[in-house]
Amino acid sequence: MRTAAIVGLLAVGLGIGLVTGSPSAAQVKVPPDFTMDRADSSPGEVTFSHEKHRAKVDKCTTCHMKHFKMKRGQSEKVTLLAKQEGKLCGACHDGKTTMGGAVVFAADQCDSCHRN
């Protein structure tokens, strides 16, 4: 019970909603999809889906706190250069990293994320 209370307080402090069935089965409510700001050089709009990414990784901290801050807008701006340097999305989208039993597509596969 004490662990569930601590998790609940942490989630409230981070602005994350929790879905709970029992104190030991607390699950994070996945944030909705959002569209990223489009750079002038971008080949198309990018809509990020937490739900699709959560299906491949075991926990939020796989990306958050390591590559991205928990709150949107506080991380480094997502750019092609950052991805090519292995930062942000490029930390996993390198064509080598395996997640959910499959190799993650490389950041240079533009059509995988960018939509016209």
PDB file of N, CA and C in Angstrom:
ATOM      1  N   MET A   1       0.829  -1.194   0.000  1.00  0.00           N
ATOM      2  CA  MET A   1       0.000   0.000   0.000  1.00  0.00           C
ATOM      3  C   MET A   1       0.866   1.247   0.000  1.00  0.00           C
ATOM      4  N   ARG A   2       1.938   1.245   0.783  1.00  0.00           N
ATOM      5  CA  ARG A   2       2.816   2.409   0.862  1.00  0.00           C
ATOM      6  C   ARG A   2       3.444   2.707  -0.505  1.00  0.00           C
ATOM      7  N   THR A   3       3.844   1.661  -1.230  1.00  0.00           N
ATOM      8  CA  THR A   3       4.432   1.842  -2.561  1.00  0.00           C
ATOM      9  C   THR A   3       3.437   2.494  -3.505  1.00  0.00           C
ATOM     10  N   ALA A   4       2.187   2.061  -3.476  1.00  0.00           N
ATOM     11  CA  ALA A   4       1.168   2.643  -4.346  1.00  0.00           C
ATOM     12  C   ALA A   4       0.973   4.121  -4.032  1.00  0.00           C
ATOM     13  N   ALA A   5       1.012   4.493  -2.750  1.00  0.00           N
ATOM     14  CA  ALA A   5       0.855   5.899  -2.374  1.00  0.00           C
ATOM     15  C   ALA A   5       2.017   6.730  -2.897  1.00  0.00           C
ATOM     16  N   ILE A   6       3.217   6.195  -2.801  1.00  0.00           N
ATOM     17  CA  ILE A   6       4.400   6.905  -3.296  1.00  0.00           C
ATOM     18  C   ILE A   6       4.326   7.055  -4.813  1.00  0.00           C
ATOM     19  N   VAL A   7       3.957   5.998  -5.519  1.00  0.00           N
ATOM     20  CA  VAL A   7       3.813   6.050  -6.974  1.00  0.00           C
ATOM     21  C   VAL A   7       2.757   7.078  -7.353  1.00  0.00           C
ATOM     22  N   GLY A   8       1.642   7.104  -6.620  1.00  0.00           N
ATOM     23  CA  GLY A   8       0.578   8.066  -6.883  1.00  0.00           C
ATOM     24  C   GLY A   8       1.048   9.495  -6.692  1.00  0.00           C
ATOM     25  N   LEU A   9       1.785   9.757  -5.620  1.00  0.00           N
ATOM     26  CA  LEU A   9       2.314  11.106  -5.384  1.00  0.00           C
ATOM     27  C   LEU A   9       3.315  11.500  -6.453  1.00  0.00           C
ATOM     28  N   LEU A  10       4.179  10.592  -6.841  1.00  0.00           N
ATOM     29  CA  LEU A  10       5.155  10.854  -7.890  1.00  0.00           C
ATOM     30  C   LEU A  10       4.439  11.171  -9.201  1.00  0.00           C
ATOM     31  N   ALA A  11       3.441  10.393  -9.537  1.00  0.00           N
ATOM     32  CA  ALA A  11       2.690  10.611 -10.770  1.00  0.00           C
ATOM     33  C   ALA A  11       2.001  11.971 -10.762  1.00  0.00           C
ATOM     34  N   VAL A  12       1.409  12.344  -9.636  1.00  0.00           N
ATOM     35  CA  VAL A  12       0.755  13.647  -9.536  1.00  0.00           C
ATOM     36  C   VAL A  12       1.780  14.756  -9.716  1.00  0.00           C
ATOM     37  N   GLY A  13       2.945  14.616  -9.089  1.00  0.00           N
ATOM     38  CA  GLY A  13       4.005  15.616  -9.202  1.00  0.00           C
ATOM     39  C   GLY A  13       4.513  15.762 -10.623  1.00  0.00           C
ATOM     40  N   LEU A  14       4.499  14.684 -11.395  1.00  0.00           N
ATOM     41  CA  LEU A  14       4.965  14.709 -12.780  1.00  0.00           C
ATOM     42  C   LEU A  14       3.832  15.012 -13.756  1.00  0.00           C
ATOM     43  N   GLY A  15       2.612  15.086 -13.256  1.00  0.00           N
ATOM     44  CA  GLY A  15       1.474  15.386 -14.129  1.00  0.00           C
ATOM     45  C   GLY A  15       1.023  14.198 -14.951  1.00  0.00           C
ATOM     46  N   ILE A  16       1.206  12.992 -14.427  1.00  0.00           N
ATOM     47  CA  ILE A  16       0.830  11.769 -15.138  1.00  0.00           C
ATOM     48  C   ILE A  16      -0.420  11.194 -14.484  1.00  0.00           C
ATOM     49  N   GLY A  17      -1.390  10.777 -15.296  1.00  0.00           N
ATOM     50  CA  GLY A  17      -2.578  10.136 -14.762  1.00  0.00           C
ATOM     51  C   GLY A  17      -2.322   8.663 -14.545  1.00  0.00           C
ATOM     52  N   LEU A  18      -2.908   8.092 -13.495  1.00  0.00           N
ATOM     53  CA  LEU A  18      -2.746   6.667 -13.226  1.00  0.00           C
ATOM     54  C   LEU A  18      -4.087   5.967 -13.372  1.00  0.00           C
ATOM     55  N   VAL A  19      -4.024   4.747 -13.886  1.00  0.00           N
ATOM     56  CA  VAL A  19      -5.194   3.887 -13.933  1.00  0.00           C
ATOM     57  C   VAL A  19      -4.870   2.755 -12.985  1.00  0.00           C
ATOM     58  N   THR A  20      -5.709   2.537 -11.996  1.00  0.00           N
ATOM     59  CA  THR A  20      -5.386   1.510 -11.009  1.00  0.00           C
ATOM     60  C   THR A  20      -6.519   0.514 -10.876  1.00  0.00           C
ATOM     61  N   GLY A  21      -6.146  -0.732 -10.728  1.00  0.00           N
ATOM     62  CA  GLY A  21      -7.108  -1.787 -10.445  1.00  0.00           C
ATOM     63  C   GLY A  21      -6.909  -2.239  -9.016  1.00  0.00           C
ATOM     64  N   SER A  22      -5.675  -2.234  -8.578  1.00  0.00           N
ATOM     65  CA  SER A  22      -5.307  -2.549  -7.208  1.00  0.00           C
ATOM     66  C   SER A  22      -4.024  -1.793  -6.909  1.00  0.00           C
ATOM     67  N   PRO A  23      -3.682  -1.606  -5.639  1.00  0.00           N
ATOM     68  CA  PRO A  23      -2.479  -0.847  -5.309  1.00  0.00           C
ATOM     69  C   PRO A  23      -1.216  -1.378  -5.959  1.00  0.00           C
ATOM     70  N   SER A  24      -1.116  -2.680  -6.167  1.00  0.00           N
ATOM     71  CA  SER A  24       0.101  -3.234  -6.752  1.00  0.00           C
ATOM     72  C   SER A  24       0.053  -3.260  -8.278  1.00  0.00           C
ATOM     73  N   ALA A  25      -1.096  -2.940  -8.866  1.00  0.00           N
ATOM     74  CA  ALA A  25      -1.237  -3.021 -10.318  1.00  0.00           C
ATOM     75  C   ALA A  25      -1.421  -1.641 -10.950  1.00  0.00           C
ATOM     76  N   ALA A  26      -0.807  -0.621 -10.388  1.00  0.00           N
ATOM     77  CA  ALA A  26      -0.928   0.725 -10.939  1.00  0.00           C
ATOM     78  C   ALA A  26      -0.290   0.776 -12.321  1.00  0.00           C
ATOM     79  N   GLN A  27      -1.001   1.387 -13.280  1.00  0.00           N
ATOM     80  CA  GLN A  27      -0.492   1.535 -14.633  1.00  0.00           C
ATOM     81  C   GLN A  27      -0.585   2.997 -15.025  1.00  0.00           C
ATOM     82  N   VAL A  28       0.370   3.446 -15.798  1.00  0.00           N
ATOM     83  CA  VAL A  28       0.373   4.820 -16.266  1.00  0.00           C
ATOM     84  C   VAL A  28      -0.602   4.966 -17.420  1.00  0.00           C
ATOM     85  N   LYS A  29      -1.407   6.022 -17.380  1.00  0.00           N
ATOM     86  CA  LYS A  29      -2.309   6.331 -18.487  1.00  0.00           C
ATOM     87  C   LYS A  29      -1.465   6.948 -19.593  1.00  0.00           C
ATOM     88  N   VAL A  30      -1.498   6.363 -20.767  1.00  0.00           N
ATOM     89  CA  VAL A  30      -0.667   6.795 -21.880  1.00  0.00           C
ATOM     90  C   VAL A  30      -1.173   8.129 -22.420  1.00  0.00           C
ATOM     91  N   PRO A  31      -0.284   9.131 -22.550  1.00  0.00           N
ATOM     92  CA  PRO A  31      -0.701  10.435 -23.088  1.00  0.00           C
ATOM     93  C   PRO A  31      -1.190  10.308 -24.532  1.00  0.00           C
ATOM     94  N   PRO A  32      -2.042  11.239 -24.966  1.00  0.00           N
ATOM     95  CA  PRO A  32      -2.566  11.195 -26.339  1.00  0.00           C
ATOM     96  C   PRO A  32      -1.483  11.525 -27.366  1.00  0.00           C
ATOM     97  N   ASP A  33      -1.740  11.145 -28.618  1.00  0.00           N
ATOM     98  CA  ASP A  33      -0.838  11.496 -29.723  1.00  0.00           C
ATOM     99  C   ASP A  33      -0.728  13.012 -29.823  1.00  0.00           C
ATOM    100  N   PHE A  34       0.408  13.492 -30.315  1.00  0.00           N
ATOM    101  CA  PHE A  34       0.565  14.924 -30.542  1.00  0.00           C
ATOM    102  C   PHE A  34       1.424  15.153 -31.772  1.00  0.00           C
ATOM    103  N   THR A  35       1.207  16.300 -32.417  1.00  0.00           N
ATOM    104  CA  THR A  35       1.955  16.671 -33.609  1.00  0.00           C
ATOM    105  C   THR A  35       3.145  17.519 -33.204  1.00  0.00           C
ATOM    106  N   MET A  36       4.310  17.178 -33.723  1.00  0.00           N
ATOM    107  CA  MET A  36       5.527  17.938 -33.419  1.00  0.00           C
ATOM    108  C   MET A  36       5.600  19.179 -34.297  1.00  0.00           C
ATOM    109  N   ASP A  37       6.273  20.211 -33.797  1.00  0.00           N
ATOM    110  CA  ASP A  37       6.489  21.417 -34.597  1.00  0.00           C
ATOM    111  C   ASP A  37       7.259  21.028 -35.850  1.00  0.00           C
ATOM    112  N   ARG A  38       6.863  21.593 -36.974  1.00  0.00           N
ATOM    113  CA  ARG A  38       7.478  21.243 -38.260  1.00  0.00           C
ATOM    114  C   ARG A  38       8.508  22.298 -38.658  1.00  0.00           C
ATOM    115  N   ALA A  39       9.729  21.848 -38.907  1.00  0.00           N
ATOM    116  CA  ALA A  39      10.788  22.733 -39.391  1.00  0.00           C
ATOM    117  C   ALA A  39      10.558  23.033 -40.867  1.00  0.00           C
ATOM    118  N   ASP A  40      11.098  24.140 -41.353  1.00  0.00           N
ATOM    119  CA  ASP A  40      10.956  24.508 -42.764  1.00  0.00           C
ATOM    120  C   ASP A  40      11.509  23.421 -43.685  1.00  0.00           C
ATOM    121  N   SER A  41      12.562  22.735 -43.245  1.00  0.00           N
ATOM    122  CA  SER A  41      13.205  21.712 -44.072  1.00  0.00           C
ATOM    123  C   SER A  41      12.554  20.336 -43.940  1.00  0.00           C
ATOM    124  N   SER A  42      11.532  20.213 -43.096  1.00  0.00           N
ATOM    125  CA  SER A  42      10.887  18.929 -42.843  1.00  0.00           C
ATOM    126  C   SER A  42      10.128  18.431 -44.069  1.00  0.00           C
ATOM    127  N   PRO A  43      10.227  17.132 -44.383  1.00  0.00           N
ATOM    128  CA  PRO A  43       9.495  16.581 -45.524  1.00  0.00           C
ATOM    129  C   PRO A  43       8.006  16.385 -45.242  1.00  0.00           C
ATOM    130  N   GLY A  44       7.577  16.573 -44.002  1.00  0.00           N
ATOM    131  CA  GLY A  44       6.161  16.408 -43.674  1.00  0.00           C
ATOM    132  C   GLY A  44       5.942  16.419 -42.181  1.00  0.00           C
ATOM    133  N   GLU A  45       4.693  16.490 -41.784  1.00  0.00           N
ATOM    134  CA  GLU A  45       4.297  16.540 -40.382  1.00  0.00           C
ATOM    135  C   GLU A  45       4.604  15.216 -39.678  1.00  0.00           C
ATOM    136  N   VAL A  46       4.950  15.285 -38.388  1.00  0.00           N
ATOM    137  CA  VAL A  46       5.194  14.091 -37.580  1.00  0.00           C
ATOM    138  C   VAL A  46       4.217  14.093 -36.412  1.00  0.00           C
ATOM    139  N   THR A  47       3.461  13.018 -36.292  1.00  0.00           N
ATOM    140  CA  THR A  47       2.587  12.831 -35.139  1.00  0.00           C
ATOM    141  C   THR A  47       3.206  11.736 -34.294  1.00  0.00           C
ATOM    142  N   PHE A  48       3.512  12.069 -33.032  1.00  0.00           N
ATOM    143  CA  PHE A  48       4.127  11.103 -32.130  1.00  0.00           C
ATOM    144  C   PHE A  48       3.046  10.353 -31.365  1.00  0.00           C
ATOM    145  N   SER A  49       3.189   9.038 -31.288  1.00  0.00           N
ATOM    146  CA  SER A  49       2.233   8.200 -30.573  1.00  0.00           C
ATOM    147  C   SER A  49       2.913   7.505 -29.402  1.00  0.00           C
ATOM    148  N   HIS A  50       2.557   7.918 -28.177  1.00  0.00           N
ATOM    149  CA  HIS A  50       3.060   7.220 -26.989  1.00  0.00           C
ATOM    150  C   HIS A  50       2.558   5.778 -26.987  1.00  0.00           C
ATOM    151  N   GLU A  51       1.307   5.576 -27.412  1.00  0.00           N
ATOM    152  CA  GLU A  51       0.708   4.236 -27.401  1.00  0.00           C
ATOM    153  C   GLU A  51       1.512   3.260 -28.260  1.00  0.00           C
ATOM    154  N   LYS A  52       1.895   3.673 -29.469  1.00  0.00           N
ATOM    155  CA  LYS A  52       2.680   2.797 -30.353  1.00  0.00           C
ATOM    156  C   LYS A  52       4.050   2.501 -29.754  1.00  0.00           C
ATOM    157  N   HIS A  53       4.669   3.500 -29.135  1.00  0.00           N
ATOM    158  CA  HIS A  53       5.991   3.295 -28.536  1.00  0.00           C
ATOM    159  C   HIS A  53       5.900   2.437 -27.279  1.00  0.00           C
ATOM    160  N   ARG A  54       4.851   2.630 -26.458  1.00  0.00           N
ATOM    161  CA  ARG A  54       4.677   1.838 -25.238  1.00  0.00           C
ATOM    162  C   ARG A  54       4.482   0.363 -25.563  1.00  0.00           C
ATOM    163  N   ALA A  55       3.945   0.062 -26.728  1.00  0.00           N
ATOM    164  CA  ALA A  55       3.754  -1.332 -27.132  1.00  0.00           C
ATOM    165  C   ALA A  55       5.098  -2.031 -27.358  1.00  0.00           C
ATOM    166  N   LYS A  56       6.167  -1.259 -27.578  1.00  0.00           N
ATOM    167  CA  LYS A  56       7.478  -1.836 -27.883  1.00  0.00           C
ATOM    168  C   LYS A  56       8.449  -1.788 -26.706  1.00  0.00           C
ATOM    169  N   VAL A  57       8.249  -0.854 -25.768  1.00  0.00           N
ATOM    170  CA  VAL A  57       9.180  -0.711 -24.645  1.00  0.00           C
ATOM    171  C   VAL A  57       8.503  -1.104 -23.340  1.00  0.00           C
ATOM    172  N   ASP A  58       9.295  -1.472 -22.355  1.00  0.00           N
ATOM    173  CA  ASP A  58       8.719  -1.975 -21.110  1.00  0.00           C
ATOM    174  C   ASP A  58       8.353  -0.900 -20.099  1.00  0.00           C
ATOM    175  N   LYS A  59       8.915   0.292 -20.212  1.00  0.00           N
ATOM    176  CA  LYS A  59       8.598   1.341 -19.241  1.00  0.00           C
ATOM    177  C   LYS A  59       8.871   2.727 -19.822  1.00  0.00           C
ATOM    178  N   CYS A  60       8.221   3.724 -19.269  1.00  0.00           N
ATOM    179  CA  CYS A  60       8.335   5.107 -19.755  1.00  0.00           C
ATOM    180  C   CYS A  60       9.774   5.619 -19.683  1.00  0.00           C
ATOM    181  N   THR A  61      10.505   5.187 -18.662  1.00  0.00           N
ATOM    182  CA  THR A  61      11.873   5.674 -18.477  1.00  0.00           C
ATOM    183  C   THR A  61      12.854   5.115 -19.503  1.00  0.00           C
ATOM    184  N   THR A  62      12.392   4.213 -20.366  1.00  0.00           N
ATOM    185  CA  THR A  62      13.247   3.771 -21.467  1.00  0.00           C
ATOM    186  C   THR A  62      13.645   4.981 -22.304  1.00  0.00           C
ATOM    187  N   CYS A  63      12.713   5.912 -22.479  1.00  0.00           N
ATOM    188  CA  CYS A  63      12.972   7.150 -23.237  1.00  0.00           C
ATOM    189  C   CYS A  63      13.066   8.365 -22.317  1.00  0.00           C
ATOM    190  N   HIS A  64      12.110   8.457 -21.398  1.00  0.00           N
ATOM    191  CA  HIS A  64      12.051   9.633 -20.546  1.00  0.00           C
ATOM    192  C   HIS A  64      13.101   9.600 -19.451  1.00  0.00           C
ATOM    193  N   MET A  65      13.656  10.752 -19.211  1.00  0.00           N
ATOM    194  CA  MET A  65      14.716  11.018 -18.245  1.00  0.00           C
ATOM    195  C   MET A  65      16.078  10.643 -18.823  1.00  0.00           C
ATOM    196  N   LYS A  66      16.119   9.714 -19.758  1.00  0.00           N
ATOM    197  CA  LYS A  66      17.368   9.338 -20.411  1.00  0.00           C
ATOM    198  C   LYS A  66      17.577  10.157 -21.689  1.00  0.00           C
ATOM    199  N   HIS A  67      16.557  10.232 -22.530  1.00  0.00           N
ATOM    200  CA  HIS A  67      16.641  10.951 -23.805  1.00  0.00           C
ATOM    201  C   HIS A  67      15.712  12.165 -23.850  1.00  0.00           C
ATOM    202  N   PHE A  68      14.597  12.070 -23.149  1.00  0.00           N
ATOM    203  CA  PHE A  68      13.595  13.136 -23.140  1.00  0.00           C
ATOM    204  C   PHE A  68      13.206  13.462 -21.705  1.00  0.00           C
ATOM    205  N   LYS A  69      12.887  14.725 -21.442  1.00  0.00           N
ATOM    206  CA  LYS A  69      12.335  15.126 -20.149  1.00  0.00           C
ATOM    207  C   LYS A  69      10.901  14.601 -20.098  1.00  0.00           C
ATOM    208  N   MET A  70      10.341  14.552 -18.898  1.00  0.00           N
ATOM    209  CA  MET A  70       8.974  14.041 -18.757  1.00  0.00           C
ATOM    210  C   MET A  70       7.933  14.995 -19.329  1.00  0.00           C
ATOM    211  N   LYS A  71       8.176  16.300 -19.252  1.00  0.00           N
ATOM    212  CA  LYS A  71       7.190  17.273 -19.712  1.00  0.00           C
ATOM    213  C   LYS A  71       7.555  17.765 -21.104  1.00  0.00           C
ATOM    214  N   ARG A  72       6.567  17.737 -22.005  1.00  0.00           N
ATOM    215  CA  ARG A  72       6.781  18.178 -23.373  1.00  0.00           C
ATOM    216  C   ARG A  72       7.256  19.627 -23.398  1.00  0.00           C
ATOM    217  N   GLY A  73       8.210  19.916 -24.284  1.00  0.00           N
ATOM    218  CA  GLY A  73       8.720  21.271 -24.440  1.00  0.00           C
ATOM    219  C   GLY A  73       9.963  21.565 -23.610  1.00  0.00           C
ATOM    220  N   GLN A  74      10.353  20.647 -22.731  1.00  0.00           N
ATOM    221  CA  GLN A  74      11.529  20.867 -21.890  1.00  0.00           C
ATOM    222  C   GLN A  74      12.773  20.153 -22.418  1.00  0.00           C
ATOM    223  N   SER A  75      12.616  19.296 -23.395  1.00  0.00           N
ATOM    224  CA  SER A  75      13.744  18.573 -23.971  1.00  0.00           C
ATOM    225  C   SER A  75      14.364  19.379 -25.100  1.00  0.00           C
ATOM    226  N   GLU A  76      15.532  18.937 -25.527  1.00  0.00           N
ATOM    227  CA  GLU A  76      16.174  19.518 -26.707  1.00  0.00           C
ATOM    228  C   GLU A  76      15.203  19.407 -27.879  1.00  0.00           C
ATOM    229  N   LYS A  77      15.238  20.360 -28.796  1.00  0.00           N
ATOM    230  CA  LYS A  77      14.359  20.333 -29.973  1.00  0.00           C
ATOM    231  C   LYS A  77      14.733  19.141 -30.856  1.00  0.00           C
ATOM    232  N   VAL A  78      13.724  18.418 -31.316  1.00  0.00           N
ATOM    233  CA  VAL A  78      13.943  17.271 -32.193  1.00  0.00           C
ATOM    234  C   VAL A  78      14.306  17.805 -33.577  1.00  0.00           C
ATOM    235  N   THR A  79      15.527  17.493 -34.011  1.00  0.00           N
ATOM    236  CA  THR A  79      16.009  17.914 -35.328  1.00  0.00           C
ATOM    237  C   THR A  79      16.647  16.729 -36.033  1.00  0.00           C
ATOM    238  N   LEU A  80      16.834  16.845 -37.331  1.00  0.00           N
ATOM    239  CA  LEU A  80      17.507  15.797 -38.092  1.00  0.00           C
ATOM    240  C   LEU A  80      18.936  15.618 -37.582  1.00  0.00           C
ATOM    241  N   LEU A  81      19.631  16.715 -37.303  1.00  0.00           N
ATOM    242  CA  LEU A  81      21.005  16.630 -36.815  1.00  0.00           C
ATOM    243  C   LEU A  81      21.071  15.880 -35.485  1.00  0.00           C
ATOM    244  N   ALA A  82      20.162  16.188 -34.568  1.00  0.00           N
ATOM    245  CA  ALA A  82      20.143  15.485 -33.278  1.00  0.00           C
ATOM    246  C   ALA A  82      19.935  13.987 -33.489  1.00  0.00           C
ATOM    247  N   LYS A  83      19.024  13.624 -34.377  1.00  0.00           N
ATOM    248  CA  LYS A  83      18.778  12.203 -34.657  1.00  0.00           C
ATOM    249  C   LYS A  83      20.012  11.544 -35.278  1.00  0.00           C
ATOM    250  N   GLN A  84      20.672  12.240 -36.200  1.00  0.00           N
ATOM    251  CA  GLN A  84      21.875  11.701 -36.840  1.00  0.00           C
ATOM    252  C   GLN A  84      23.014  11.534 -35.845  1.00  0.00           C
ATOM    253  N   GLU A  85      23.029  12.354 -34.790  1.00  0.00           N
ATOM    254  CA  GLU A  85      24.057  12.264 -33.742  1.00  0.00           C
ATOM    255  C   GLU A  85      23.700  11.213 -32.689  1.00  0.00           C
ATOM    256  N   GLY A  86      22.590  10.518 -32.869  1.00  0.00           N
ATOM    257  CA  GLY A  86      22.178   9.483 -31.923  1.00  0.00           C
ATOM    258  C   GLY A  86      21.499  10.033 -30.688  1.00  0.00           C
ATOM    259  N   LYS A  87      21.000  11.265 -30.778  1.00  0.00           N
ATOM    260  CA  LYS A  87      20.278  11.874 -29.663  1.00  0.00           C
ATOM    261  C   LYS A  87      18.778  11.750 -29.912  1.00  0.00           C
ATOM    262  N   LEU A  88      18.015  11.948 -28.842  1.00  0.00           N
ATOM    263  CA  LEU A  88      16.554  11.952 -28.916  1.00  0.00           C
ATOM    264  C   LEU A  88      16.049  10.716 -29.654  1.00  0.00           C
ATOM    265  N   CYS A  89      15.269  10.871 -30.708  1.00  0.00           N
ATOM    266  CA  CYS A  89      14.718   9.733 -31.460  1.00  0.00           C
ATOM    267  C   CYS A  89      15.829   8.837 -32.005  1.00  0.00           C
ATOM    268  N   GLY A  90      16.954   9.460 -32.389  1.00  0.00           N
ATOM    269  CA  GLY A  90      18.082   8.727 -32.967  1.00  0.00           C
ATOM    270  C   GLY A  90      18.774   7.783 -32.005  1.00  0.00           C
ATOM    271  N   ALA A  91      18.490   7.900 -30.704  1.00  0.00           N
ATOM    272  CA  ALA A  91      19.083   6.982 -29.730  1.00  0.00           C
ATOM    273  C   ALA A  91      18.615   5.549 -29.977  1.00  0.00           C
ATOM    274  N   CYS A  92      17.403   5.379 -30.458  1.00  0.00           N
ATOM    275  CA  CYS A  92      16.870   4.051 -30.779  1.00  0.00           C
ATOM    276  C   CYS A  92      16.667   3.858 -32.278  1.00  0.00           C
ATOM    277  N   HIS A  93      16.249   4.923 -32.963  1.00  0.00           N
ATOM    278  CA  HIS A  93      15.971   4.825 -34.399  1.00  0.00           C
ATOM    279  C   HIS A  93      17.275   4.928 -35.189  1.00  0.00           C
ATOM    280  N   ASP A  94      18.084   3.866 -35.041  1.00  0.00           N
ATOM    281  CA  ASP A  94      19.400   3.813 -35.675  1.00  0.00           C
ATOM    282  C   ASP A  94      19.551   2.631 -36.625  1.00  0.00           C
ATOM    283  N   GLY A  95      18.495   1.849 -36.775  1.00  0.00           N
ATOM    284  CA  GLY A  95      18.541   0.684 -37.655  1.00  0.00           C
ATOM    285  C   GLY A  95      19.289  -0.492 -37.044  1.00  0.00           C
ATOM    286  N   LYS A  96      19.689  -0.376 -35.769  1.00  0.00           N
ATOM    287  CA  LYS A  96      20.445  -1.438 -35.094  1.00  0.00           C
ATOM    288  C   LYS A  96      19.781  -1.895 -33.795  1.00  0.00           C
ATOM    289  N   THR A  97      19.192  -0.950 -33.065  1.00  0.00           N
ATOM    290  CA  THR A  97      18.583  -1.239 -31.769  1.00  0.00           C
ATOM    291  C   THR A  97      17.379  -2.149 -31.948  1.00  0.00           C
ATOM    292  N   THR A  98      17.223  -3.103 -31.045  1.00  0.00           N
ATOM    293  CA  THR A  98      16.088  -4.028 -31.074  1.00  0.00           C
ATOM    294  C   THR A  98      15.121  -3.685 -29.948  1.00  0.00           C
ATOM    295  N   MET A  99      13.853  -3.569 -30.278  1.00  0.00           N
ATOM    296  CA  MET A  99      12.786  -3.323 -29.305  1.00  0.00           C
ATOM    297  C   MET A  99      11.602  -4.207 -29.660  1.00  0.00           C
ATOM    298  N   GLY A 100      11.011  -4.821 -28.682  1.00  0.00           N
ATOM    299  CA  GLY A 100       9.821  -5.643 -28.932  1.00  0.00           C
ATOM    300  C   GLY A 100      10.065  -6.754 -29.931  1.00  0.00           C
ATOM    301  N   GLY A 101      11.298  -7.254 -30.000  1.00  0.00           N
ATOM    302  CA  GLY A 101      11.615  -8.361 -30.883  1.00  0.00           C
ATOM    303  C   GLY A 101      11.921  -7.982 -32.318  1.00  0.00           C
ATOM    304  N   ALA A 102      12.003  -6.688 -32.620  1.00  0.00           N
ATOM    305  CA  ALA A 102      12.291  -6.254 -33.991  1.00  0.00           C
ATOM    306  C   ALA A 102      13.310  -5.121 -33.975  1.00  0.00           C
ATOM    307  N   VAL A 103      14.051  -5.003 -35.069  1.00  0.00           N
ATOM    308  CA  VAL A 103      15.015  -3.914 -35.206  1.00  0.00           C
ATOM    309  C   VAL A 103      14.240  -2.630 -35.460  1.00  0.00           C
ATOM    310  N   VAL A 104      14.600  -1.582 -34.726  1.00  0.00           N
ATOM    311  CA  VAL A 104      13.944  -0.283 -34.866  1.00  0.00           C
ATOM    312  C   VAL A 104      14.436   0.362 -36.156  1.00  0.00           C
ATOM    313  N   PHE A 105      13.495   0.880 -36.970  1.00  0.00           N
ATOM    314  CA  PHE A 105      13.886   1.496 -38.233  1.00  0.00           C
ATOM    315  C   PHE A 105      14.792   2.698 -37.992  1.00  0.00           C
ATOM    316  N   ALA A 106      15.657   2.980 -38.949  1.00  0.00           N
ATOM    317  CA  ALA A 106      16.616   4.088 -38.839  1.00  0.00           C
ATOM    318  C   ALA A 106      15.931   5.429 -39.080  1.00  0.00           C
ATOM    319  N   ALA A 107      16.500   6.479 -38.495  1.00  0.00           N
ATOM    320  CA  ALA A 107      15.952   7.835 -38.613  1.00  0.00           C
ATOM    321  C   ALA A 107      15.963   8.339 -40.052  1.00  0.00           C
ATOM    322  N   ASP A 108      16.783   7.738 -40.915  1.00  0.00           N
ATOM    323  CA  ASP A 108      16.823   8.193 -42.309  1.00  0.00           C
ATOM    324  C   ASP A 108      15.700   7.580 -43.160  1.00  0.00           C
ATOM    325  N   GLN A 109      14.836   6.776 -42.556  1.00  0.00           N
ATOM    326  CA  GLN A 109      13.651   6.265 -43.240  1.00  0.00           C
ATOM    327  C   GLN A 109      12.526   7.267 -42.985  1.00  0.00           C
ATOM    328  N   CYS A 110      12.613   8.406 -43.650  1.00  0.00           N
ATOM    329  CA  CYS A 110      11.771   9.577 -43.393  1.00  0.00           C
ATOM    330  C   CYS A 110      10.273   9.282 -43.414  1.00  0.00           C
ATOM    331  N   ASP A 111       9.819   8.491 -44.386  1.00  0.00           N
ATOM    332  CA  ASP A 111       8.383   8.224 -44.542  1.00  0.00           C
ATOM    333  C   ASP A 111       7.778   7.431 -43.386  1.00  0.00           C
ATOM    334  N   SER A 112       8.638   6.843 -42.533  1.00  0.00           N
ATOM    335  CA  SER A 112       8.126   6.097 -41.389  1.00  0.00           C
ATOM    336  C   SER A 112       7.446   7.004 -40.375  1.00  0.00           C
ATOM    337  N   CYS A 113       7.868   8.268 -40.316  1.00  0.00           N
ATOM    338  CA  CYS A 113       7.291   9.232 -39.370  1.00  0.00           C
ATOM    339  C   CYS A 113       6.669  10.445 -40.038  1.00  0.00           C
ATOM    340  N   HIS A 114       7.339  10.962 -41.064  1.00  0.00           N
ATOM    341  CA  HIS A 114       6.876  12.185 -41.733  1.00  0.00           C
ATOM    342  C   HIS A 114       5.738  11.875 -42.699  1.00  0.00           C
ATOM    343  N   ARG A 115       4.656  12.630 -42.562  1.00  0.00           N
ATOM    344  CA  ARG A 115       3.485  12.483 -43.444  1.00  0.00           C
ATOM    345  C   ARG A 115       3.265  13.810 -44.153  1.00  0.00           C
ATOM    346  N   ASN A 116       2.964  13.753 -45.433  1.00  0.00           N
ATOM    347  CA  ASN A 116       2.708  14.987 -46.206  1.00  0.00           C
ATOM    348  C   ASN A 116       1.280  15.440 -46.065  1.00  0.00           C
TER     349      ASN A 116
END
